[in-house]
Amino acid sequence: MEDIVWKMQQRSRSVQDYRKDIRGLWQDEAAKTLNRRYLDPHEDDDQKMIEFLQKQVQGLEKTNKELVKAKDYALEAERYSQQVEHFLEREKQEVKQAYHSYDRSIEYYGLTQAELPNIHRLIQQANRSCN
């Protein structure tokens, strides 16, 4: 982009240098009118355009740097997101295992409760046989 601005500056400078070279040779009324109406305003506009383009190039370069930063931040966020997904998946597995363990404990508790009357009966029989 800076290359384009540089080329435009060179072309503008060439036109202005040419105007200076022929200024002494071209001094009739038609030349003065042409200079006043077209070439002088063109020179002013040309300079403004080059300044604007330079500012635009600077803005684009700054924007490009900010885009690179944004891309880096997006990649970093993606890495963190993957880590969170990994941890979340691991926690889901642990919760699943905890529910499975809880279900087994409920099952064993139920079996134990069902055997309590038999255990009490056996203890009573053992106590009677010892007396």
N, C-alpha and C. Protein backbone atom coordinates (compact mmCIF):
# COMPACT_ATOMS: atom_id res chain seq x y z
N MET A 1 0.82 -1.19 0.00
CA MET A 1 0.00 0.00 0.00
C MET A 1 0.87 1.26 0.00
N GLU A 2 1.93 1.21 0.80
CA GLU A 2 2.83 2.37 0.82
C GLU A 2 3.46 2.56 -0.56
N ASP A 3 3.63 1.47 -1.27
CA ASP A 3 4.20 1.52 -2.62
C ASP A 3 3.31 2.35 -3.54
N ILE A 4 2.01 2.19 -3.40
CA ILE A 4 1.07 2.95 -4.23
C ILE A 4 1.18 4.44 -3.91
N VAL A 5 1.24 4.76 -2.63
CA VAL A 5 1.35 6.17 -2.22
C VAL A 5 2.66 6.75 -2.76
N TRP A 6 3.74 5.98 -2.65
CA TRP A 6 5.04 6.47 -3.14
C TRP A 6 4.98 6.74 -4.64
N LYS A 7 4.37 5.81 -5.40
CA LYS A 7 4.25 6.00 -6.86
C LYS A 7 3.42 7.25 -7.17
N MET A 8 2.35 7.46 -6.42
CA MET A 8 1.52 8.64 -6.66
C MET A 8 2.30 9.91 -6.36
N GLN A 9 3.10 9.88 -5.31
CA GLN A 9 3.93 11.04 -4.99
C GLN A 9 4.93 11.32 -6.13
N GLN A 10 5.52 10.26 -6.66
CA GLN A 10 6.47 10.43 -7.75
C GLN A 10 5.80 11.01 -8.99
N ARG A 11 4.63 10.50 -9.32
CA ARG A 11 3.91 11.02 -10.49
C ARG A 11 3.52 12.48 -10.29
N SER A 12 3.05 12.79 -9.10
CA SER A 12 2.66 14.17 -8.81
C SER A 12 3.87 15.09 -8.90
N ARG A 13 4.97 14.64 -8.33
CA ARG A 13 6.19 15.43 -8.37
C ARG A 13 6.65 15.64 -9.82
N SER A 14 6.52 14.60 -10.63
CA SER A 14 6.90 14.71 -12.05
C SER A 14 6.06 15.76 -12.76
N VAL A 15 4.76 15.74 -12.51
CA VAL A 15 3.87 16.72 -13.15
C VAL A 15 4.23 18.13 -12.69
N GLN A 16 4.45 18.30 -11.38
CA GLN A 16 4.76 19.63 -10.86
C GLN A 16 6.13 20.10 -11.35
N ASP A 17 7.10 19.19 -11.44
CA ASP A 17 8.42 19.56 -11.98
C ASP A 17 8.29 19.98 -13.44
N TYR A 18 7.50 19.27 -14.20
CA TYR A 18 7.28 19.61 -15.61
C TYR A 18 6.64 20.99 -15.72
N ARG A 19 5.66 21.26 -14.85
CA ARG A 19 5.02 22.59 -14.87
C ARG A 19 6.04 23.69 -14.59
N LYS A 20 6.93 23.45 -13.63
CA LYS A 20 7.96 24.44 -13.31
C LYS A 20 8.91 24.65 -14.50
N ASP A 21 9.24 23.54 -15.16
CA ASP A 21 10.16 23.62 -16.31
C ASP A 21 9.57 24.46 -17.45
N ILE A 22 8.28 24.34 -17.68
CA ILE A 22 7.68 25.06 -18.82
C ILE A 22 7.06 26.39 -18.41
N ARG A 23 7.12 26.75 -17.16
CA ARG A 23 6.50 27.98 -16.68
C ARG A 23 7.06 29.21 -17.41
N GLY A 24 8.34 29.23 -17.61
CA GLY A 24 8.96 30.37 -18.30
C GLY A 24 8.61 30.40 -19.78
N LEU A 25 8.30 29.26 -20.37
CA LEU A 25 8.01 29.19 -21.79
C LEU A 25 6.53 29.40 -22.08
N TRP A 26 5.72 29.14 -21.14
CA TRP A 26 4.28 29.09 -21.38
C TRP A 26 3.62 30.14 -20.50
N GLN A 27 3.57 31.40 -20.94
CA GLN A 27 3.08 32.48 -20.10
C GLN A 27 1.98 33.30 -20.75
N ASP A 28 1.34 32.81 -21.74
CA ASP A 28 0.27 33.59 -22.37
C ASP A 28 -1.00 33.51 -21.53
N GLU A 29 -2.03 34.20 -21.94
CA GLU A 29 -3.29 34.26 -21.20
C GLU A 29 -3.94 32.88 -21.07
N ALA A 30 -3.87 32.10 -22.14
CA ALA A 30 -4.46 30.76 -22.12
C ALA A 30 -3.76 29.90 -21.06
N ALA A 31 -2.44 30.02 -20.96
CA ALA A 31 -1.68 29.24 -19.97
C ALA A 31 -2.05 29.67 -18.56
N LYS A 32 -2.18 30.98 -18.36
CA LYS A 32 -2.55 31.48 -17.04
C LYS A 32 -3.95 30.99 -16.64
N THR A 33 -4.87 31.05 -17.59
CA THR A 33 -6.23 30.58 -17.32
C THR A 33 -6.23 29.08 -17.02
N LEU A 34 -5.50 28.33 -17.81
CA LEU A 34 -5.41 26.88 -17.61
C LEU A 34 -4.80 26.56 -16.24
N ASN A 35 -3.74 27.28 -15.89
CA ASN A 35 -3.12 27.07 -14.58
C ASN A 35 -4.09 27.41 -13.45
N ARG A 36 -4.73 28.58 -13.55
CA ARG A 36 -5.61 29.05 -12.49
C ARG A 36 -6.83 28.13 -12.32
N ARG A 37 -7.43 27.71 -13.44
CA ARG A 37 -8.67 26.94 -13.37
C ARG A 37 -8.46 25.45 -13.12
N TYR A 38 -7.35 24.89 -13.61
CA TYR A 38 -7.21 23.44 -13.55
C TYR A 38 -5.95 22.95 -12.85
N LEU A 39 -4.81 23.44 -13.27
CA LEU A 39 -3.56 22.87 -12.79
C LEU A 39 -3.22 23.27 -11.35
N ASP A 40 -3.43 24.54 -10.97
CA ASP A 40 -3.18 24.95 -9.59
C ASP A 40 -4.10 24.21 -8.61
N PRO A 41 -5.42 24.17 -8.88
CA PRO A 41 -6.28 23.39 -7.98
C PRO A 41 -5.90 21.89 -7.96
N HIS A 42 -5.48 21.39 -9.10
CA HIS A 42 -5.05 19.99 -9.17
C HIS A 42 -3.87 19.76 -8.24
N GLU A 43 -2.93 20.71 -8.22
CA GLU A 43 -1.76 20.58 -7.35
C GLU A 43 -2.19 20.54 -5.88
N ASP A 44 -3.11 21.44 -5.50
CA ASP A 44 -3.61 21.46 -4.12
C ASP A 44 -4.34 20.15 -3.78
N ASP A 45 -5.22 19.74 -4.68
CA ASP A 45 -5.97 18.51 -4.47
C ASP A 45 -5.05 17.30 -4.41
N ASP A 46 -4.04 17.31 -5.23
CA ASP A 46 -3.09 16.21 -5.28
C ASP A 46 -2.39 16.06 -3.93
N GLN A 47 -1.95 17.17 -3.37
CA GLN A 47 -1.27 17.12 -2.08
C GLN A 47 -2.21 16.62 -0.97
N LYS A 48 -3.43 17.12 -1.00
CA LYS A 48 -4.42 16.67 -0.01
C LYS A 48 -4.69 15.17 -0.16
N MET A 49 -4.78 14.70 -1.40
CA MET A 49 -5.05 13.30 -1.66
C MET A 49 -3.90 12.43 -1.13
N ILE A 50 -2.68 12.86 -1.35
CA ILE A 50 -1.52 12.10 -0.88
C ILE A 50 -1.50 12.05 0.65
N GLU A 51 -1.78 13.17 1.30
CA GLU A 51 -1.84 13.19 2.76
C GLU A 51 -2.93 12.25 3.27
N PHE A 52 -4.09 12.30 2.60
CA PHE A 52 -5.19 11.42 2.99
C PHE A 52 -4.80 9.95 2.81
N LEU A 53 -4.16 9.64 1.69
CA LEU A 53 -3.74 8.26 1.45
C LEU A 53 -2.72 7.79 2.49
N GLN A 54 -1.80 8.68 2.86
CA GLN A 54 -0.83 8.32 3.88
C GLN A 54 -1.53 8.02 5.21
N LYS A 55 -2.49 8.84 5.57
CA LYS A 55 -3.25 8.59 6.80
C LYS A 55 -4.03 7.29 6.68
N GLN A 56 -4.58 7.04 5.51
CA GLN A 56 -5.33 5.81 5.30
C GLN A 56 -4.42 4.59 5.41
N VAL A 57 -3.23 4.68 4.86
CA VAL A 57 -2.26 3.58 4.96
C VAL A 57 -1.91 3.34 6.43
N GLN A 58 -1.66 4.41 7.16
CA GLN A 58 -1.34 4.27 8.58
C GLN A 58 -2.51 3.61 9.33
N GLY A 59 -3.72 4.05 9.00
CA GLY A 59 -4.90 3.46 9.64
C GLY A 59 -5.05 1.99 9.31
N LEU A 60 -4.80 1.65 8.05
CA LEU A 60 -4.89 0.24 7.64
C LEU A 60 -3.82 -0.61 8.32
N GLU A 61 -2.61 -0.06 8.44
CA GLU A 61 -1.54 -0.80 9.12
C GLU A 61 -1.90 -1.03 10.59
N LYS A 62 -2.43 0.00 11.22
CA LYS A 62 -2.83 -0.13 12.62
C LYS A 62 -3.97 -1.15 12.74
N THR A 63 -4.92 -1.08 11.84
CA THR A 63 -6.03 -2.02 11.85
C THR A 63 -5.52 -3.45 11.66
N ASN A 64 -4.56 -3.60 10.76
CA ASN A 64 -4.00 -4.94 10.53
C ASN A 64 -3.35 -5.48 11.80
N LYS A 65 -2.60 -4.62 12.49
CA LYS A 65 -1.97 -5.05 13.75
C LYS A 65 -3.04 -5.45 14.77
N GLU A 66 -4.11 -4.66 14.84
CA GLU A 66 -5.19 -4.99 15.78
C GLU A 66 -5.89 -6.29 15.39
N LEU A 67 -6.02 -6.52 14.09
CA LEU A 67 -6.62 -7.79 13.63
C LEU A 67 -5.75 -8.98 14.00
N VAL A 68 -4.44 -8.81 13.89
CA VAL A 68 -3.52 -9.89 14.28
C VAL A 68 -3.68 -10.17 15.77
N LYS A 69 -3.75 -9.10 16.57
CA LYS A 69 -3.96 -9.28 18.01
C LYS A 69 -5.28 -9.99 18.29
N ALA A 70 -6.33 -9.56 17.60
CA ALA A 70 -7.65 -10.18 17.79
C ALA A 70 -7.61 -11.66 17.42
N LYS A 71 -6.90 -11.97 16.35
CA LYS A 71 -6.78 -13.38 15.94
C LYS A 71 -6.05 -14.17 17.02
N ASP A 72 -4.97 -13.60 17.55
CA ASP A 72 -4.24 -14.28 18.63
C ASP A 72 -5.14 -14.49 19.84
N TYR A 73 -5.92 -13.47 20.21
CA TYR A 73 -6.84 -13.61 21.34
C TYR A 73 -7.90 -14.67 21.05
N ALA A 74 -8.38 -14.73 19.82
CA ALA A 74 -9.38 -15.73 19.46
C ALA A 74 -8.79 -17.14 19.57
N LEU A 75 -7.54 -17.30 19.12
CA LEU A 75 -6.89 -18.61 19.24
C LEU A 75 -6.70 -19.00 20.70
N GLU A 76 -6.32 -18.02 21.51
CA GLU A 76 -6.15 -18.29 22.94
C GLU A 76 -7.48 -18.66 23.58
N ALA A 77 -8.53 -17.95 23.22
CA ALA A 77 -9.86 -18.27 23.75
C ALA A 77 -10.30 -19.66 23.31
N GLU A 78 -9.96 -20.03 22.09
CA GLU A 78 -10.30 -21.38 21.60
C GLU A 78 -9.57 -22.44 22.41
N ARG A 79 -8.30 -22.19 22.72
CA ARG A 79 -7.55 -23.16 23.55
C ARG A 79 -8.18 -23.30 24.92
N TYR A 80 -8.55 -22.16 25.53
CA TYR A 80 -9.19 -22.22 26.84
C TYR A 80 -10.54 -22.93 26.76
N SER A 81 -11.25 -22.67 25.69
CA SER A 81 -12.54 -23.33 25.49
C SER A 81 -12.38 -24.84 25.41
N GLN A 82 -11.35 -25.28 24.70
CA GLN A 82 -11.10 -26.72 24.59
C GLN A 82 -10.75 -27.32 25.96
N GLN A 83 -9.97 -26.58 26.74
CA GLN A 83 -9.64 -27.06 28.08
C GLN A 83 -10.89 -27.18 28.94
N VAL A 84 -11.76 -26.17 28.86
CA VAL A 84 -13.00 -26.20 29.63
C VAL A 84 -13.87 -27.38 29.20
N GLU A 85 -13.95 -27.61 27.89
CA GLU A 85 -14.72 -28.75 27.38
C GLU A 85 -14.15 -30.06 27.91
N HIS A 86 -12.82 -30.16 27.93
CA HIS A 86 -12.17 -31.37 28.43
C HIS A 86 -12.50 -31.57 29.92
N PHE A 87 -12.37 -30.50 30.71
CA PHE A 87 -12.68 -30.61 32.13
C PHE A 87 -14.15 -30.94 32.35
N LEU A 88 -15.01 -30.33 31.57
CA LEU A 88 -16.45 -30.58 31.70
C LEU A 88 -16.77 -32.04 31.37
N GLU A 89 -16.16 -32.57 30.34
CA GLU A 89 -16.39 -33.97 29.98
C GLU A 89 -15.91 -34.89 31.10
N ARG A 90 -14.76 -34.57 31.66
CA ARG A 90 -14.23 -35.38 32.76
C ARG A 90 -15.17 -35.32 33.97
N GLU A 91 -15.68 -34.12 34.25
CA GLU A 91 -16.60 -33.98 35.39
C GLU A 91 -17.91 -34.73 35.13
N LYS A 92 -18.38 -34.74 33.89
CA LYS A 92 -19.58 -35.51 33.56
C LYS A 92 -19.36 -36.99 33.84
N GLN A 93 -18.18 -37.48 33.48
CA GLN A 93 -17.87 -38.89 33.74
C GLN A 93 -17.82 -39.17 35.25
N GLU A 94 -17.24 -38.24 36.00
CA GLU A 94 -17.18 -38.42 37.45
C GLU A 94 -18.57 -38.38 38.07
N VAL A 95 -19.43 -37.48 37.60
CA VAL A 95 -20.80 -37.42 38.10
C VAL A 95 -21.54 -38.71 37.75
N LYS A 96 -21.33 -39.21 36.53
CA LYS A 96 -21.96 -40.46 36.11
C LYS A 96 -21.51 -41.61 37.03
N GLN A 97 -20.21 -41.64 37.33
CA GLN A 97 -19.67 -42.67 38.23
C GLN A 97 -20.25 -42.50 39.64
N ALA A 98 -20.40 -41.26 40.09
CA ALA A 98 -20.97 -41.01 41.42
C ALA A 98 -22.42 -41.48 41.48
N TYR A 99 -23.20 -41.22 40.43
CA TYR A 99 -24.58 -41.71 40.39
C TYR A 99 -24.63 -43.23 40.39
N HIS A 100 -23.71 -43.84 39.65
CA HIS A 100 -23.66 -45.30 39.62
C HIS A 100 -23.34 -45.84 41.02
N SER A 101 -22.36 -45.22 41.68
CA SER A 101 -22.01 -45.64 43.05
C SER A 101 -23.17 -45.42 43.99
N TYR A 102 -23.86 -44.31 43.84
CA TYR A 102 -25.02 -44.03 44.68
C TYR A 102 -26.11 -45.08 44.46
N ASP A 103 -26.40 -45.42 43.21
CA ASP A 103 -27.40 -46.45 42.91
C ASP A 103 -27.02 -47.78 43.52
N ARG A 104 -25.72 -48.13 43.43
CA ARG A 104 -25.26 -49.40 44.04
C ARG A 104 -25.41 -49.36 45.55
N SER A 105 -25.11 -48.22 46.16
CA SER A 105 -25.25 -48.13 47.62
C SER A 105 -26.71 -48.25 48.04
N ILE A 106 -27.61 -47.67 47.26
CA ILE A 106 -29.04 -47.80 47.54
C ILE A 106 -29.45 -49.28 47.43
N GLU A 107 -28.94 -49.92 46.39
CA GLU A 107 -29.25 -51.35 46.19
C GLU A 107 -28.75 -52.18 47.38
N TYR A 108 -27.49 -51.93 47.79
CA TYR A 108 -26.93 -52.68 48.93
C TYR A 108 -27.65 -52.35 50.23
N TYR A 109 -28.04 -51.11 50.40
CA TYR A 109 -28.80 -50.72 51.59
C TYR A 109 -30.12 -51.49 51.62
N GLY A 110 -30.79 -51.55 50.48
CA GLY A 110 -32.05 -52.29 50.41
C GLY A 110 -31.85 -53.76 50.73
N LEU A 111 -30.79 -54.36 50.19
CA LEU A 111 -30.50 -55.78 50.49
C LEU A 111 -30.21 -55.97 51.96
N THR A 112 -29.45 -55.02 52.55
CA THR A 112 -29.13 -55.10 53.97
C THR A 112 -30.39 -55.00 54.82
N GLN A 113 -31.25 -54.04 54.47
CA GLN A 113 -32.50 -53.87 55.21
C GLN A 113 -33.36 -55.14 55.11
N ALA A 114 -33.35 -55.75 53.95
CA ALA A 114 -34.15 -56.97 53.76
C ALA A 114 -33.61 -58.12 54.60
N GLU A 115 -32.30 -58.13 54.88
CA GLU A 115 -31.70 -59.22 55.67
C GLU A 115 -31.75 -58.97 57.17
N LEU A 116 -32.07 -57.77 57.61
CA LEU A 116 -32.10 -57.46 59.05
C LEU A 116 -33.02 -58.39 59.85
N PRO A 117 -34.24 -58.67 59.37
CA PRO A 117 -35.07 -59.60 60.15
C PRO A 117 -34.41 -60.97 60.31
N ASN A 118 -33.75 -61.45 59.25
CA ASN A 118 -33.05 -62.75 59.36
C ASN A 118 -31.91 -62.67 60.35
N ILE A 119 -31.18 -61.54 60.29
CA ILE A 119 -30.05 -61.36 61.21
C ILE A 119 -30.54 -61.33 62.65
N HIS A 120 -31.62 -60.59 62.92
CA HIS A 120 -32.19 -60.52 64.28
C HIS A 120 -32.64 -61.92 64.73
N ARG A 121 -33.26 -62.66 63.84
CA ARG A 121 -33.74 -64.01 64.18
C ARG A 121 -32.55 -64.91 64.51
N LEU A 122 -31.49 -64.83 63.71
CA LEU A 122 -30.32 -65.67 63.96
C LEU A 122 -29.63 -65.30 65.27
N ILE A 123 -29.58 -63.98 65.57
CA ILE A 123 -28.98 -63.54 66.83
C ILE A 123 -29.80 -64.07 68.00
N GLN A 124 -31.11 -63.99 67.88
CA GLN A 124 -31.97 -64.51 68.96
C GLN A 124 -31.80 -66.01 69.13
N GLN A 125 -31.69 -66.74 68.04
CA GLN A 125 -31.48 -68.19 68.14
C GLN A 125 -30.13 -68.49 68.80
N ALA A 126 -29.11 -67.68 68.44
CA ALA A 126 -27.81 -67.89 69.03
C ALA A 126 -27.86 -67.59 70.52
N ASN A 127 -28.56 -66.56 70.91
CA ASN A 127 -28.67 -66.19 72.32
C ASN A 127 -29.40 -67.29 73.10
N ARG A 128 -30.44 -67.86 72.52
CA ARG A 128 -31.20 -68.94 73.19
C ARG A 128 -30.37 -70.20 73.32
N SER A 129 -29.58 -70.48 72.35
CA SER A 129 -28.80 -71.69 72.43
C SER A 129 -27.66 -71.55 73.43
N CYS A 130 -27.24 -70.33 73.69
CA CYS A 130 -26.16 -70.10 74.67
C CYS A 130 -26.71 -70.10 76.09
N ASN A 131 -27.94 -69.94 76.29
CA ASN A 131 -28.54 -69.88 77.64
C ASN A 131 -28.88 -71.20 78.13
